[in-house]
Amino acid sequence: MINIPNLKHVSGELNVMGNQEVNESHFPSLETIKGDLIIAKSGFKKLPPKLNHIGGRVIISKSDPQSLVNDLIRASENGMIQGGNYFCD
């Protein structure tokens, strides 16, 4: 399992695809990701609480929770996600 409570910035992509044991609570301080956020089929149910900028795409699965999809829609509408939202399947 991964737990990075002090991580604030990722200068590239963050990829936890398929890792059901990893979720938003493992990144409580994360504010920015300059690349893609790939969380398809992971344990994410929403975006990390302090995340305010994603420079790339967000990639999820059609089977991911609706709560995550709703969070991504709000983030996109607020201009937080620069590259758009995509389904991997």
Protein backbone atom coordinates (compact mmCIF):
# COMPACT_ATOMS: atom_id res chain seq x y z
CA MET A 1 0.00 0.00 0.00
CA ILE A 2 1.09 3.56 -0.66
CA ASN A 3 0.63 6.40 1.81
CA ILE A 4 2.27 9.76 1.15
CA PRO A 5 0.73 12.23 3.61
CA ASN A 6 3.20 15.08 2.94
CA LEU A 7 3.23 14.95 -0.87
CA LYS A 8 2.03 18.31 -2.23
CA HIS A 9 3.23 18.40 -5.85
CA VAL A 10 3.78 15.83 -8.59
CA SER A 11 5.83 17.16 -11.51
CA GLY A 12 4.78 14.34 -13.85
CA GLU A 13 1.94 11.83 -13.86
CA LEU A 14 0.44 10.00 -10.92
CA ASN A 15 -0.59 6.48 -11.90
CA VAL A 16 -2.28 4.08 -9.47
CA MET A 17 -4.41 2.31 -12.07
CA GLY A 18 -5.78 -1.01 -10.85
CA ASN A 19 -4.55 -0.63 -7.27
CA GLN A 20 -7.74 -1.04 -5.22
CA GLU A 21 -5.84 -0.43 -1.97
CA VAL A 22 -4.97 3.17 -2.91
CA ASN A 23 -7.50 5.97 -2.55
CA GLU A 24 -7.77 9.72 -2.01
CA SER A 25 -7.06 9.40 1.74
CA HIS A 26 -3.48 8.36 0.92
CA PHE A 27 -2.81 11.82 -0.59
CA PRO A 28 -4.29 14.26 1.98
CA SER A 29 -1.87 17.12 1.16
CA LEU A 30 -1.69 16.74 -2.64
CA GLU A 31 -2.36 20.09 -4.35
CA THR A 32 -1.01 19.87 -7.92
CA ILE A 33 -0.24 17.27 -10.56
CA LYS A 34 1.49 18.65 -13.67
CA GLY A 35 0.82 15.54 -15.77
CA ASP A 36 -1.95 12.96 -15.97
CA LEU A 37 -3.84 11.50 -13.03
CA ILE A 38 -4.54 7.85 -13.81
CA ILE A 39 -6.88 6.38 -11.20
CA ALA A 40 -8.94 3.89 -13.24
CA LYS A 41 -9.99 0.82 -11.26
CA SER A 42 -8.24 2.07 -8.12
CA GLY A 43 -9.82 2.69 -4.72
CA PHE A 44 -10.58 6.38 -5.40
CA LYS A 45 -14.15 7.46 -4.67
CA LYS A 46 -13.39 11.18 -5.08
CA LEU A 47 -10.41 13.44 -5.75
CA PRO A 48 -7.90 14.18 -2.96
CA PRO A 49 -9.28 16.95 -0.73
CA LYS A 50 -6.63 19.65 -1.41
CA LEU A 51 -6.06 18.91 -5.10
CA ASN A 52 -6.61 22.11 -7.09
CA HIS A 53 -4.75 21.61 -10.40
CA ILE A 54 -4.22 18.75 -12.84
CA GLY A 55 -2.11 19.78 -15.85
CA GLY A 56 -2.91 16.69 -17.89
CA ARG A 57 -5.78 14.26 -18.29
CA VAL A 58 -7.70 12.30 -15.69
CA ILE A 59 -8.20 8.69 -16.72
CA ILE A 60 -10.85 6.59 -14.99
CA SER A 61 -12.89 3.49 -15.75
CA LYS A 62 -16.59 3.27 -16.58
CA SER A 63 -16.87 0.98 -13.55
CA ASP A 64 -15.47 3.57 -11.12
CA PRO A 65 -17.90 5.02 -8.54
CA GLN A 66 -20.39 7.69 -9.58
CA SER A 67 -19.11 9.85 -6.70
CA LEU A 68 -15.72 10.04 -8.47
CA VAL A 69 -17.36 10.89 -11.80
CA ASN A 70 -19.39 13.66 -10.14
CA ASP A 71 -16.25 15.05 -8.49
CA LEU A 72 -14.45 15.08 -11.86
CA ILE A 73 -17.35 16.89 -13.53
CA ARG A 74 -17.24 19.61 -10.87
CA ALA A 75 -13.44 19.88 -11.15
CA SER A 76 -13.66 20.19 -14.94
CA GLU A 77 -16.34 22.86 -14.73
CA ASN A 78 -14.11 24.82 -12.32
CA GLY A 79 -11.14 24.67 -14.70
CA MET A 80 -9.08 22.48 -12.42
CA ILE A 81 -8.41 19.78 -15.04
CA GLN A 82 -6.47 21.04 -18.07
CA GLY A 83 -6.46 17.89 -20.23
CA GLY A 84 -10.00 16.58 -19.82
CA ASN A 85 -11.50 13.39 -18.44
CA TYR A 86 -11.19 10.07 -20.24
CA PHE A 87 -12.37 6.49 -19.77
CA CYS A 88 -9.80 3.74 -20.27
CA ASP A 89 -12.48 1.25 -21.31
